[in-house]
Amino acid sequence: MNLFAVFNRDGGTFKTTDMSAYCAHATKTFEAAGHQIDCHVVAGDKVVETMERAATTPGVDALIAGGGDGTISAAARIAWKGQIALGVVPAGTMNLFARSLKLPLDIWQVIDALAVATPEKVDIASANGQSFVHQFSAGLHARMVRYRNSMDFASRLGKMRASVRAAVGVMLNPPEFEVEFNVEGRKDYRKVSAISVSNNEFGSDPLMFADDLTRGHLGFYLADPLTPTGVARLTYDILRGRLKENASVTAMTATELELHFPRHRHDVRCVLDGELLPMKRDVLLKIHAGELTVLVNRDHLGAAAAPVLDQA
């Protein structure tokens, strides 16, 4: 395969890595496996434009993207739209998409795994046309991200500490808002403290990521209005891997979902794959089953995975 690699030198683990040595290792490993690779190490503000070159360069079969969840989410969008394969190098804090793909989380080991991986089809989702590989969320999670982003941190450990402080702040001041939703013809209205729509259902891990990205549906989760005690109970159940068993949570699946927020405010935010964004009054969410090609070990994906023989 002809590979185009982009590594975000400002992303997570890469900040403390000798990127010249890393790029040399990637080049040697992929070439030994019979691939051609063009390796780029760039600053964070140049990552997206450099990755976009992969989709417009003739002959490129796959984009190898290294960085945090934001970098990987952008890479997935580019690979999806450009109809090329995506190889994920997890260098961030949570690395949720890499966990769903069951890739090694060590930045050196994952190169070895990707060099012998095969292109497979998985699902990708979208919110008003903007793709996401993990989740769209509003309410508790968005408020926590907003709190965390207001804090100063310069390292992965600092970000984790800020996340804990933000979670405590949200627990003491949970949001409450109204939503109308249409799940494939089923219409309803709720007051809630949280909404999450995931690319396939969450598994039991406390980090809340999908175990299988080939089931072809969205996971849709609503949490009733919560008191601080209710948020604490919800957090406890998430840590036990029992999100769906929490009394305040309603969970369902869908291939398409419409959300309407009747009392919209311009300062309300949502989170899309970890990025805090202004929330539209109306949000259309869809699953795009089998439309994203990724480099993985096929045996780890699940029985529904389909090989992509013409790119192997």
C-alpha atoms as a PDB file:
ATOM      1  CA  MET A   1       0.000   0.000   0.000  1.00  0.00           C
ATOM      2  CA  ASN A   2       1.005   3.605  -0.582  1.00  0.00           C
ATOM      3  CA  LEU A   3       0.770   5.335   2.814  1.00  0.00           C
ATOM      4  CA  PHE A   4       0.718   9.014   3.826  1.00  0.00           C
ATOM      5  CA  ALA A   5       1.569   9.450   7.519  1.00  0.00           C
ATOM      6  CA  VAL A   6       0.872  12.600   9.550  1.00  0.00           C
ATOM      7  CA  PHE A   7       1.997  12.828  13.179  1.00  0.00           C
ATOM      8  CA  ASN A   8       0.884  15.726  15.391  1.00  0.00           C
ATOM      9  CA  ARG A   9       4.053  16.628  17.315  1.00  0.00           C
ATOM     10  CA  ASP A  10       1.963  18.724  19.748  1.00  0.00           C
ATOM     11  CA  GLY A  11      -0.369  15.832  20.592  1.00  0.00           C
ATOM     12  CA  GLY A  12      -0.092  14.007  23.913  1.00  0.00           C
ATOM     13  CA  THR A  13       2.650  11.377  23.949  1.00  0.00           C
ATOM     14  CA  PHE A  14       4.362  12.886  20.910  1.00  0.00           C
ATOM     15  CA  LYS A  15       5.298  15.987  22.924  1.00  0.00           C
ATOM     16  CA  THR A  16       7.950  13.959  24.759  1.00  0.00           C
ATOM     17  CA  THR A  17       8.954  11.704  21.863  1.00  0.00           C
ATOM     18  CA  ASP A  18      11.949  12.029  19.556  1.00  0.00           C
ATOM     19  CA  MET A  19       9.823  12.463  16.441  1.00  0.00           C
ATOM     20  CA  SER A  20      12.740  12.083  14.019  1.00  0.00           C
ATOM     21  CA  ALA A  21      13.464   8.669  15.508  1.00  0.00           C
ATOM     22  CA  TYR A  22       9.778   7.814  15.543  1.00  0.00           C
ATOM     23  CA  CYS A  23       9.283   8.719  11.885  1.00  0.00           C
ATOM     24  CA  ALA A  24      12.379   6.703  10.975  1.00  0.00           C
ATOM     25  CA  HIS A  25      10.997   3.717  12.895  1.00  0.00           C
ATOM     26  CA  ALA A  26       7.630   3.998  11.132  1.00  0.00           C
ATOM     27  CA  THR A  27       9.290   4.244   7.715  1.00  0.00           C
ATOM     28  CA  LYS A  28      11.528   1.231   8.361  1.00  0.00           C
ATOM     29  CA  THR A  29       8.672  -0.885   9.753  1.00  0.00           C
ATOM     30  CA  PHE A  30       6.167  -0.165   7.001  1.00  0.00           C
ATOM     31  CA  GLU A  31       8.746  -0.582   4.221  1.00  0.00           C
ATOM     32  CA  ALA A  32       9.844  -3.919   5.704  1.00  0.00           C
ATOM     33  CA  ALA A  33       6.200  -5.023   5.439  1.00  0.00           C
ATOM     34  CA  GLY A  34       6.139  -4.111   1.733  1.00  0.00           C
ATOM     35  CA  HIS A  35       4.488  -0.671   1.931  1.00  0.00           C
ATOM     36  CA  GLN A  36       5.571   2.719   0.657  1.00  0.00           C
ATOM     37  CA  ILE A  37       5.253   5.584   3.149  1.00  0.00           C
ATOM     38  CA  ASP A  38       5.602   9.362   3.094  1.00  0.00           C
ATOM     39  CA  CYS A  39       6.046  10.541   6.699  1.00  0.00           C
ATOM     40  CA  HIS A  40       5.193  14.058   7.952  1.00  0.00           C
ATOM     41  CA  VAL A  41       5.708  15.431  11.479  1.00  0.00           C
ATOM     42  CA  VAL A  42       3.831  18.723  11.835  1.00  0.00           C
ATOM     43  CA  ALA A  43       2.603  21.186  14.446  1.00  0.00           C
ATOM     44  CA  GLY A  44      -0.968  20.952  15.671  1.00  0.00           C
ATOM     45  CA  ASP A  45      -2.180  23.908  13.630  1.00  0.00           C
ATOM     46  CA  LYS A  46      -0.912  22.253  10.423  1.00  0.00           C
ATOM     47  CA  VAL A  47      -2.283  18.760  11.025  1.00  0.00           C
ATOM     48  CA  VAL A  48      -5.634  19.027   9.237  1.00  0.00           C
ATOM     49  CA  GLU A  49      -4.317  20.719   6.114  1.00  0.00           C
ATOM     50  CA  THR A  50      -1.474  18.192   5.892  1.00  0.00           C
ATOM     51  CA  MET A  51      -3.865  15.250   6.306  1.00  0.00           C
ATOM     52  CA  GLU A  52      -6.121  16.687   3.619  1.00  0.00           C
ATOM     53  CA  ARG A  53      -3.214  16.363   1.204  1.00  0.00           C
ATOM     54  CA  ALA A  54      -3.414  12.590   1.681  1.00  0.00           C
ATOM     55  CA  ALA A  55      -6.931  12.533   0.240  1.00  0.00           C
ATOM     56  CA  THR A  56      -5.959  14.635  -2.769  1.00  0.00           C
ATOM     57  CA  THR A  57      -2.584  13.048  -3.590  1.00  0.00           C
ATOM     58  CA  PRO A  58      -2.940  10.542  -6.457  1.00  0.00           C
ATOM     59  CA  GLY A  59      -2.092   6.970  -5.569  1.00  0.00           C
ATOM     60  CA  VAL A  60      -2.433   7.247  -1.776  1.00  0.00           C
ATOM     61  CA  ASP A  61      -4.202   4.183  -0.353  1.00  0.00           C
ATOM     62  CA  ALA A  62      -4.236   5.082   3.333  1.00  0.00           C
ATOM     63  CA  LEU A  63      -3.726   7.926   5.794  1.00  0.00           C
ATOM     64  CA  ILE A  64      -1.768   7.031   8.939  1.00  0.00           C
ATOM     65  CA  ALA A  65      -2.748   9.635  11.549  1.00  0.00           C
ATOM     66  CA  GLY A  66      -1.083  10.087  14.924  1.00  0.00           C
ATOM     67  CA  GLY A  67      -2.337  12.321  17.728  1.00  0.00           C
ATOM     68  CA  GLY A  68      -5.137  12.741  20.246  1.00  0.00           C
ATOM     69  CA  ASP A  69      -8.840  12.068  19.764  1.00  0.00           C
ATOM     70  CA  GLY A  70      -9.338  15.395  17.980  1.00  0.00           C
ATOM     71  CA  THR A  71      -6.652  14.596  15.412  1.00  0.00           C
ATOM     72  CA  ILE A  72      -8.014  11.095  14.872  1.00  0.00           C
ATOM     73  CA  SER A  73     -11.587  12.346  14.487  1.00  0.00           C
ATOM     74  CA  ALA A  74     -10.450  14.842  11.826  1.00  0.00           C
ATOM     75  CA  ALA A  75      -8.448  12.097  10.109  1.00  0.00           C
ATOM     76  CA  ALA A  76     -11.508   9.839  10.021  1.00  0.00           C
ATOM     77  CA  ARG A  77     -13.544  12.582   8.364  1.00  0.00           C
ATOM     78  CA  ILE A  78     -10.847  13.121   5.743  1.00  0.00           C
ATOM     79  CA  ALA A  79     -10.423   9.390   5.079  1.00  0.00           C
ATOM     80  CA  TRP A  80     -14.205   8.892   4.876  1.00  0.00           C
ATOM     81  CA  LYS A  81     -14.770  11.744   2.451  1.00  0.00           C
ATOM     82  CA  GLY A  82     -11.633  10.892   0.444  1.00  0.00           C
ATOM     83  CA  GLN A  83     -12.474   7.170   0.318  1.00  0.00           C
ATOM     84  CA  ILE A  84      -9.068   6.065   1.552  1.00  0.00           C
ATOM     85  CA  ALA A  85      -8.173   3.811   4.482  1.00  0.00           C
ATOM     86  CA  LEU A  86      -7.244   5.131   7.931  1.00  0.00           C
ATOM     87  CA  GLY A  87      -4.525   3.863  10.245  1.00  0.00           C
ATOM     88  CA  VAL A  88      -4.760   5.154  13.832  1.00  0.00           C
ATOM     89  CA  VAL A  89      -1.731   5.924  16.013  1.00  0.00           C
ATOM     90  CA  PRO A  90      -3.141   6.754  19.489  1.00  0.00           C
ATOM     91  CA  ALA A  91      -1.034   9.489  21.097  1.00  0.00           C
ATOM     92  CA  GLY A  92      -3.718  11.243  23.159  1.00  0.00           C
ATOM     93  CA  THR A  93      -5.173  10.962  26.642  1.00  0.00           C
ATOM     94  CA  MET A  94      -8.218   8.746  26.097  1.00  0.00           C
ATOM     95  CA  ASN A  95      -7.646   7.239  22.621  1.00  0.00           C
ATOM     96  CA  LEU A  96     -11.257   6.061  22.468  1.00  0.00           C
ATOM     97  CA  PHE A  97     -11.459   5.200  18.772  1.00  0.00           C
ATOM     98  CA  ALA A  98      -8.245   3.186  18.991  1.00  0.00           C
ATOM     99  CA  ARG A  99      -9.719   1.308  21.949  1.00  0.00           C
ATOM    100  CA  SER A 100     -12.836   0.488  19.915  1.00  0.00           C
ATOM    101  CA  LEU A 101     -10.600  -0.814  17.125  1.00  0.00           C
ATOM    102  CA  LYS A 102      -8.646  -2.849  19.709  1.00  0.00           C
ATOM    103  CA  LEU A 103      -5.334  -1.402  18.574  1.00  0.00           C
ATOM    104  CA  PRO A 104      -2.239  -1.317  20.806  1.00  0.00           C
ATOM    105  CA  LEU A 105      -2.197   1.942  22.793  1.00  0.00           C
ATOM    106  CA  ASP A 106       1.605   2.148  22.801  1.00  0.00           C
ATOM    107  CA  ILE A 107       2.764   4.436  19.974  1.00  0.00           C
ATOM    108  CA  TRP A 108       5.671   2.132  19.075  1.00  0.00           C
ATOM    109  CA  GLN A 109       3.778  -1.150  19.221  1.00  0.00           C
ATOM    110  CA  VAL A 110       0.901   0.182  17.126  1.00  0.00           C
ATOM    111  CA  ILE A 111       3.254   0.822  14.192  1.00  0.00           C
ATOM    112  CA  ASP A 112       4.166  -2.868  14.193  1.00  0.00           C
ATOM    113  CA  ALA A 113       0.464  -3.780  14.285  1.00  0.00           C
ATOM    114  CA  LEU A 114      -0.532  -1.387  11.499  1.00  0.00           C
ATOM    115  CA  ALA A 115       2.258  -2.611   9.236  1.00  0.00           C
ATOM    116  CA  VAL A 116       0.621  -6.058   9.056  1.00  0.00           C
ATOM    117  CA  ALA A 117      -3.009  -4.899   9.403  1.00  0.00           C
ATOM    118  CA  THR A 118      -5.660  -5.303   6.707  1.00  0.00           C
ATOM    119  CA  PRO A 119      -8.226  -2.752   5.466  1.00  0.00           C
ATOM    120  CA  GLU A 120     -11.661  -3.426   6.981  1.00  0.00           C
ATOM    121  CA  LYS A 121     -15.015  -1.658   6.913  1.00  0.00           C
ATOM    122  CA  VAL A 122     -16.437  -0.066  10.091  1.00  0.00           C
ATOM    123  CA  ASP A 123     -19.204   2.415  10.851  1.00  0.00           C
ATOM    124  CA  ILE A 124     -18.928   6.174  11.134  1.00  0.00           C
ATOM    125  CA  ALA A 125     -21.649   8.572  12.351  1.00  0.00           C
ATOM    126  CA  SER A 126     -22.595  12.171  11.616  1.00  0.00           C
ATOM    127  CA  ALA A 127     -24.350  15.108  13.302  1.00  0.00           C
ATOM    128  CA  ASN A 128     -25.812  17.567  10.789  1.00  0.00           C
ATOM    129  CA  GLY A 129     -23.384  16.163   8.259  1.00  0.00           C
ATOM    130  CA  GLN A 130     -20.266  16.495  10.436  1.00  0.00           C
ATOM    131  CA  SER A 131     -18.740  13.099  11.068  1.00  0.00           C
ATOM    132  CA  PHE A 132     -17.794  11.583  14.409  1.00  0.00           C
ATOM    133  CA  VAL A 133     -16.261   8.263  15.382  1.00  0.00           C
ATOM    134  CA  HIS A 134     -17.052   8.257  19.111  1.00  0.00           C
ATOM    135  CA  GLN A 135     -19.965  10.377  20.330  1.00  0.00           C
ATOM    136  CA  PHE A 136     -22.118  13.486  20.207  1.00  0.00           C
ATOM    137  CA  SER A 137     -23.110  14.689  23.667  1.00  0.00           C
ATOM    138  CA  ALA A 138     -24.913  17.538  25.417  1.00  0.00           C
ATOM    139  CA  GLY A 139     -25.570  18.438  29.031  1.00  0.00           C
ATOM    140  CA  LEU A 140     -23.312  16.912  31.684  1.00  0.00           C
ATOM    141  CA  HIS A 141     -20.433  16.049  29.380  1.00  0.00           C
ATOM    142  CA  ALA A 142     -20.480  19.378  27.532  1.00  0.00           C
ATOM    143  CA  ARG A 143     -20.491  21.290  30.813  1.00  0.00           C
ATOM    144  CA  MET A 144     -17.587  19.208  32.103  1.00  0.00           C
ATOM    145  CA  VAL A 145     -15.537  19.883  28.946  1.00  0.00           C
ATOM    146  CA  ARG A 146     -16.324  23.599  29.227  1.00  0.00           C
ATOM    147  CA  TYR A 147     -15.181  23.628  32.861  1.00  0.00           C
ATOM    148  CA  ARG A 148     -12.013  21.683  31.990  1.00  0.00           C
ATOM    149  CA  ASN A 149     -11.158  23.950  29.067  1.00  0.00           C
ATOM    150  CA  SER A 150     -11.257  26.951  31.407  1.00  0.00           C
ATOM    151  CA  MET A 151      -8.415  25.460  33.457  1.00  0.00           C
ATOM    152  CA  ASP A 152      -4.690  25.615  32.721  1.00  0.00           C
ATOM    153  CA  PHE A 153      -2.853  22.353  32.040  1.00  0.00           C
ATOM    154  CA  ALA A 154       0.248  21.607  29.972  1.00  0.00           C
ATOM    155  CA  SER A 155       0.552  17.824  30.128  1.00  0.00           C
ATOM    156  CA  ARG A 156      -1.447  14.641  29.833  1.00  0.00           C
ATOM    157  CA  LEU A 157      -1.440  14.262  33.620  1.00  0.00           C
ATOM    158  CA  GLY A 158      -2.512  17.886  33.997  1.00  0.00           C
ATOM    159  CA  LYS A 159      -5.409  17.306  31.627  1.00  0.00           C
ATOM    160  CA  MET A 160      -6.517  14.275  33.641  1.00  0.00           C
ATOM    161  CA  ARG A 161      -6.401  16.291  36.864  1.00  0.00           C
ATOM    162  CA  ALA A 162      -8.373  19.098  35.233  1.00  0.00           C
ATOM    163  CA  SER A 163     -10.960  16.553  34.058  1.00  0.00           C
ATOM    164  CA  VAL A 164     -11.435  15.293  37.609  1.00  0.00           C
ATOM    165  CA  ARG A 165     -11.861  18.845  38.953  1.00  0.00           C
ATOM    166  CA  ALA A 166     -14.329  19.613  36.147  1.00  0.00           C
ATOM    167  CA  ALA A 167     -16.308  16.444  36.868  1.00  0.00           C
ATOM    168  CA  VAL A 168     -16.651  17.445  40.523  1.00  0.00           C
ATOM    169  CA  GLY A 169     -17.814  20.920  39.465  1.00  0.00           C
ATOM    170  CA  VAL A 170     -20.499  19.425  37.193  1.00  0.00           C
ATOM    171  CA  MET A 171     -21.587  17.023  39.896  1.00  0.00           C
ATOM    172  CA  LEU A 172     -22.312  19.977  42.185  1.00  0.00           C
ATOM    173  CA  ASN A 173     -24.081  21.942  39.434  1.00  0.00           C
ATOM    174  CA  PRO A 174     -25.782  19.546  36.972  1.00  0.00           C
ATOM    175  CA  PRO A 175     -27.608  21.066  33.982  1.00  0.00           C
ATOM    176  CA  GLU A 176     -31.262  20.552  33.116  1.00  0.00           C
ATOM    177  CA  PHE A 177     -32.792  21.220  29.706  1.00  0.00           C
ATOM    178  CA  GLU A 178     -35.612  20.160  27.389  1.00  0.00           C
ATOM    179  CA  VAL A 179     -35.351  18.025  24.273  1.00  0.00           C
ATOM    180  CA  GLU A 180     -37.775  16.668  21.725  1.00  0.00           C
ATOM    181  CA  PHE A 181     -36.597  13.630  19.778  1.00  0.00           C
ATOM    182  CA  ASN A 182     -37.722  11.485  16.889  1.00  0.00           C
ATOM    183  CA  VAL A 183     -36.220   8.001  16.816  1.00  0.00           C
ATOM    184  CA  GLU A 184     -37.285   6.423  13.533  1.00  0.00           C
ATOM    185  CA  GLY A 185     -40.890   7.593  13.907  1.00  0.00           C
ATOM    186  CA  ARG A 186     -41.081   7.443  17.708  1.00  0.00           C
ATOM    187  CA  LYS A 187     -41.521  11.001  18.978  1.00  0.00           C
ATOM    188  CA  ASP A 188     -41.113  12.062  22.587  1.00  0.00           C
ATOM    189  CA  TYR A 189     -40.313  15.010  24.851  1.00  0.00           C
ATOM    190  CA  ARG A 190     -38.119  14.946  27.936  1.00  0.00           C
ATOM    191  CA  LYS A 191     -36.425  17.121  30.500  1.00  0.00           C
ATOM    192  CA  VAL A 192     -32.896  15.773  30.856  1.00  0.00           C
ATOM    193  CA  SER A 193     -29.479  16.425  32.330  1.00  0.00           C
ATOM    194  CA  ALA A 194     -27.537  14.592  29.651  1.00  0.00           C
ATOM    195  CA  ILE A 195     -27.752  13.257  26.111  1.00  0.00           C
ATOM    196  CA  SER A 196     -25.227  11.007  24.416  1.00  0.00           C
ATOM    197  CA  VAL A 197     -25.371   9.573  20.914  1.00  0.00           C
ATOM    198  CA  SER A 198     -22.584   7.108  20.152  1.00  0.00           C
ATOM    199  CA  ASN A 199     -21.173   5.444  17.061  1.00  0.00           C
ATOM    200  CA  ASN A 200     -22.569   2.008  18.024  1.00  0.00           C
ATOM    201  CA  GLU A 201     -23.521   1.148  21.606  1.00  0.00           C
ATOM    202  CA  PHE A 202     -21.112   1.693  24.469  1.00  0.00           C
ATOM    203  CA  GLY A 203     -19.550  -1.395  25.980  1.00  0.00           C
ATOM    204  CA  SER A 204     -19.091  -1.970  29.701  1.00  0.00           C
ATOM    205  CA  ASP A 205     -15.760  -0.175  30.047  1.00  0.00           C
ATOM    206  CA  PRO A 206     -15.946   2.923  32.319  1.00  0.00           C
ATOM    207  CA  LEU A 207     -14.367   5.009  29.534  1.00  0.00           C
ATOM    208  CA  MET A 208     -17.557   4.439  27.517  1.00  0.00           C
ATOM    209  CA  PHE A 209     -16.505   3.377  24.037  1.00  0.00           C
ATOM    210  CA  ALA A 210     -18.042   0.894  21.601  1.00  0.00           C
ATOM    211  CA  ASP A 211     -16.843  -2.715  21.732  1.00  0.00           C
ATOM    212  CA  ASP A 212     -17.906  -3.287  18.117  1.00  0.00           C
ATOM    213  CA  LEU A 213     -18.020  -0.669  15.351  1.00  0.00           C
ATOM    214  CA  THR A 214     -19.735  -2.893  12.800  1.00  0.00           C
ATOM    215  CA  ARG A 215     -23.276  -3.245  14.196  1.00  0.00           C
ATOM    216  CA  GLY A 216     -24.717  -0.471  12.044  1.00  0.00           C
ATOM    217  CA  HIS A 217     -26.560   1.649  14.584  1.00  0.00           C
ATOM    218  CA  LEU A 218     -26.299   4.586  16.961  1.00  0.00           C
ATOM    219  CA  GLY A 219     -26.469   4.241  20.717  1.00  0.00           C
ATOM    220  CA  PHE A 220     -28.879   6.821  22.182  1.00  0.00           C
ATOM    221  CA  TYR A 221     -28.720   7.611  25.904  1.00  0.00           C
ATOM    222  CA  LEU A 222     -30.820  10.066  27.953  1.00  0.00           C
ATOM    223  CA  ALA A 223     -30.369  10.876  31.646  1.00  0.00           C
ATOM    224  CA  ASP A 224     -33.326  12.329  33.556  1.00  0.00           C
ATOM    225  CA  PRO A 225     -32.849  15.600  35.488  1.00  0.00           C
ATOM    226  CA  LEU A 226     -30.258  14.856  38.152  1.00  0.00           C
ATOM    227  CA  THR A 227     -29.414  16.168  41.593  1.00  0.00           C
ATOM    228  CA  PRO A 228     -25.783  16.121  42.757  1.00  0.00           C
ATOM    229  CA  THR A 229     -26.533  12.788  44.445  1.00  0.00           C
ATOM    230  CA  GLY A 230     -28.013  11.495  41.185  1.00  0.00           C
ATOM    231  CA  VAL A 231     -24.879  12.477  39.265  1.00  0.00           C
ATOM    232  CA  ALA A 232     -22.779  10.653  41.855  1.00  0.00           C
ATOM    233  CA  ARG A 233     -24.908   7.504  41.442  1.00  0.00           C
ATOM    234  CA  LEU A 234     -24.660   7.742  37.657  1.00  0.00           C
ATOM    235  CA  THR A 235     -20.884   8.108  37.878  1.00  0.00           C
ATOM    236  CA  TYR A 236     -20.702   5.099  40.195  1.00  0.00           C
ATOM    237  CA  ASP A 237     -22.727   2.961  37.785  1.00  0.00           C
ATOM    238  CA  ILE A 238     -20.562   4.045  34.842  1.00  0.00           C
ATOM    239  CA  LEU A 239     -17.448   3.054  36.785  1.00  0.00           C
ATOM    240  CA  ARG A 240     -19.054  -0.355  37.426  1.00  0.00           C
ATOM    241  CA  GLY A 241     -19.850  -0.775  33.710  1.00  0.00           C
ATOM    242  CA  ARG A 242     -23.594  -0.571  34.407  1.00  0.00           C
ATOM    243  CA  LEU A 243     -24.659   2.603  32.644  1.00  0.00           C
ATOM    244  CA  LYS A 244     -27.883   1.084  31.301  1.00  0.00           C
ATOM    245  CA  GLU A 245     -28.859  -0.195  34.744  1.00  0.00           C
ATOM    246  CA  ASN A 246     -28.921   3.286  36.246  1.00  0.00           C
ATOM    247  CA  ALA A 247     -32.516   4.253  37.118  1.00  0.00           C
ATOM    248  CA  SER A 248     -32.197   7.679  35.490  1.00  0.00           C
ATOM    249  CA  VAL A 249     -30.918   6.408  32.128  1.00  0.00           C
ATOM    250  CA  THR A 250     -32.982   5.519  29.074  1.00  0.00           C
ATOM    251  CA  ALA A 251     -31.036   3.695  26.345  1.00  0.00           C
ATOM    252  CA  MET A 252     -32.065   2.739  22.828  1.00  0.00           C
ATOM    253  CA  THR A 253     -30.566   2.242  19.368  1.00  0.00           C
ATOM    254  CA  ALA A 254     -31.374   3.769  15.991  1.00  0.00           C
ATOM    255  CA  THR A 255     -29.956   4.278  12.524  1.00  0.00           C
ATOM    256  CA  GLU A 256     -31.245   7.852  12.389  1.00  0.00           C
ATOM    257  CA  LEU A 257     -32.249  10.289  15.120  1.00  0.00           C
ATOM    258  CA  GLU A 258     -33.597  13.843  15.205  1.00  0.00           C
ATOM    259  CA  LEU A 259     -33.131  16.132  18.210  1.00  0.00           C
ATOM    260  CA  HIS A 260     -34.907  19.463  18.725  1.00  0.00           C
ATOM    261  CA  PHE A 261     -34.154  21.838  21.596  1.00  0.00           C
ATOM    262  CA  PRO A 262     -37.252  24.020  22.095  1.00  0.00           C
ATOM    263  CA  ARG A 263     -35.613  26.507  24.487  1.00  0.00           C
ATOM    264  CA  HIS A 264     -32.421  27.115  22.576  1.00  0.00           C
ATOM    265  CA  ARG A 265     -29.770  29.504  23.916  1.00  0.00           C
ATOM    266  CA  HIS A 266     -26.830  30.750  21.908  1.00  0.00           C
ATOM    267  CA  ASP A 267     -24.372  29.965  24.708  1.00  0.00           C
ATOM    268  CA  VAL A 268     -25.293  26.253  24.855  1.00  0.00           C
ATOM    269  CA  ARG A 269     -22.577  23.876  23.689  1.00  0.00           C
ATOM    270  CA  CYS A 270     -22.334  20.259  22.596  1.00  0.00           C
ATOM    271  CA  VAL A 271     -19.332  17.951  22.343  1.00  0.00           C
ATOM    272  CA  LEU A 272     -18.407  16.095  19.154  1.00  0.00           C
ATOM    273  CA  ASP A 273     -15.539  13.644  19.626  1.00  0.00           C
ATOM    274  CA  GLY A 274     -14.198  15.714  22.501  1.00  0.00           C
ATOM    275  CA  GLU A 275     -14.473  19.082  20.747  1.00  0.00           C
ATOM    276  CA  LEU A 276     -16.716  21.721  22.333  1.00  0.00           C
ATOM    277  CA  LEU A 277     -18.951  23.283  19.667  1.00  0.00           C
ATOM    278  CA  PRO A 278     -21.995  25.582  19.495  1.00  0.00           C
ATOM    279  CA  MET A 279     -25.140  23.444  19.539  1.00  0.00           C
ATOM    280  CA  LYS A 280     -27.725  23.878  16.834  1.00  0.00           C
ATOM    281  CA  ARG A 281     -31.398  23.971  17.756  1.00  0.00           C
ATOM    282  CA  ASP A 282     -32.021  20.978  15.487  1.00  0.00           C
ATOM    283  CA  VAL A 283     -29.572  18.092  15.159  1.00  0.00           C
ATOM    284  CA  LEU A 284     -29.892  15.186  12.720  1.00  0.00           C
ATOM    285  CA  LEU A 285     -27.748  12.191  13.627  1.00  0.00           C
ATOM    286  CA  LYS A 286     -27.099   9.261  11.309  1.00  0.00           C
ATOM    287  CA  ILE A 287     -25.049   6.087  11.209  1.00  0.00           C
ATOM    288  CA  HIS A 288     -23.121   5.384   8.029  1.00  0.00           C
ATOM    289  CA  ALA A 289     -22.713   1.638   8.226  1.00  0.00           C
ATOM    290  CA  GLY A 290     -19.503   0.215   6.814  1.00  0.00           C
ATOM    291  CA  GLU A 291     -18.481   3.471   5.138  1.00  0.00           C
ATOM    292  CA  LEU A 292     -15.118   4.011   6.873  1.00  0.00           C
ATOM    293  CA  THR A 293     -12.134   1.823   5.985  1.00  0.00           C
ATOM    294  CA  VAL A 294      -9.606   1.272   8.773  1.00  0.00           C
ATOM    295  CA  LEU A 295      -6.381  -0.699   9.138  1.00  0.00           C
ATOM    296  CA  VAL A 296      -6.879  -3.306  11.851  1.00  0.00           C
ATOM    297  CA  ASN A 297      -6.529  -6.948  12.752  1.00  0.00           C
ATOM    298  CA  ARG A 298      -9.751  -8.360  11.315  1.00  0.00           C
ATOM    299  CA  ASP A 299     -10.175 -10.924  14.113  1.00  0.00           C
ATOM    300  CA  HIS A 300     -10.531  -8.086  16.650  1.00  0.00           C
ATOM    301  CA  LEU A 301     -13.371  -6.255  14.931  1.00  0.00           C
ATOM    302  CA  GLY A 302     -16.270  -8.677  15.298  1.00  0.00           C
ATOM    303  CA  ALA A 303     -18.097 -11.075  13.033  1.00  0.00           C
ATOM    304  CA  ALA A 304     -19.753  -8.323  10.984  1.00  0.00           C
ATOM    305  CA  ALA A 305     -16.507  -6.892   9.635  1.00  0.00           C
ATOM    306  CA  ALA A 306     -16.130  -7.132   5.872  1.00  0.00           C
ATOM    307  CA  PRO A 307     -12.724  -7.321   4.176  1.00  0.00           C
ATOM    308  CA  VAL A 308     -11.753  -4.791   1.543  1.00  0.00           C
ATOM    309  CA  LEU A 309      -9.874  -7.021  -0.854  1.00  0.00           C
ATOM    310  CA  ASP A 310      -9.198  -4.447  -3.549  1.00  0.00           C
ATOM    311  CA  GLN A 311      -7.065  -2.339  -1.188  1.00  0.00           C
ATOM    312  CA  ALA A 312      -5.082  -5.142   0.444  1.00  0.00           C
END
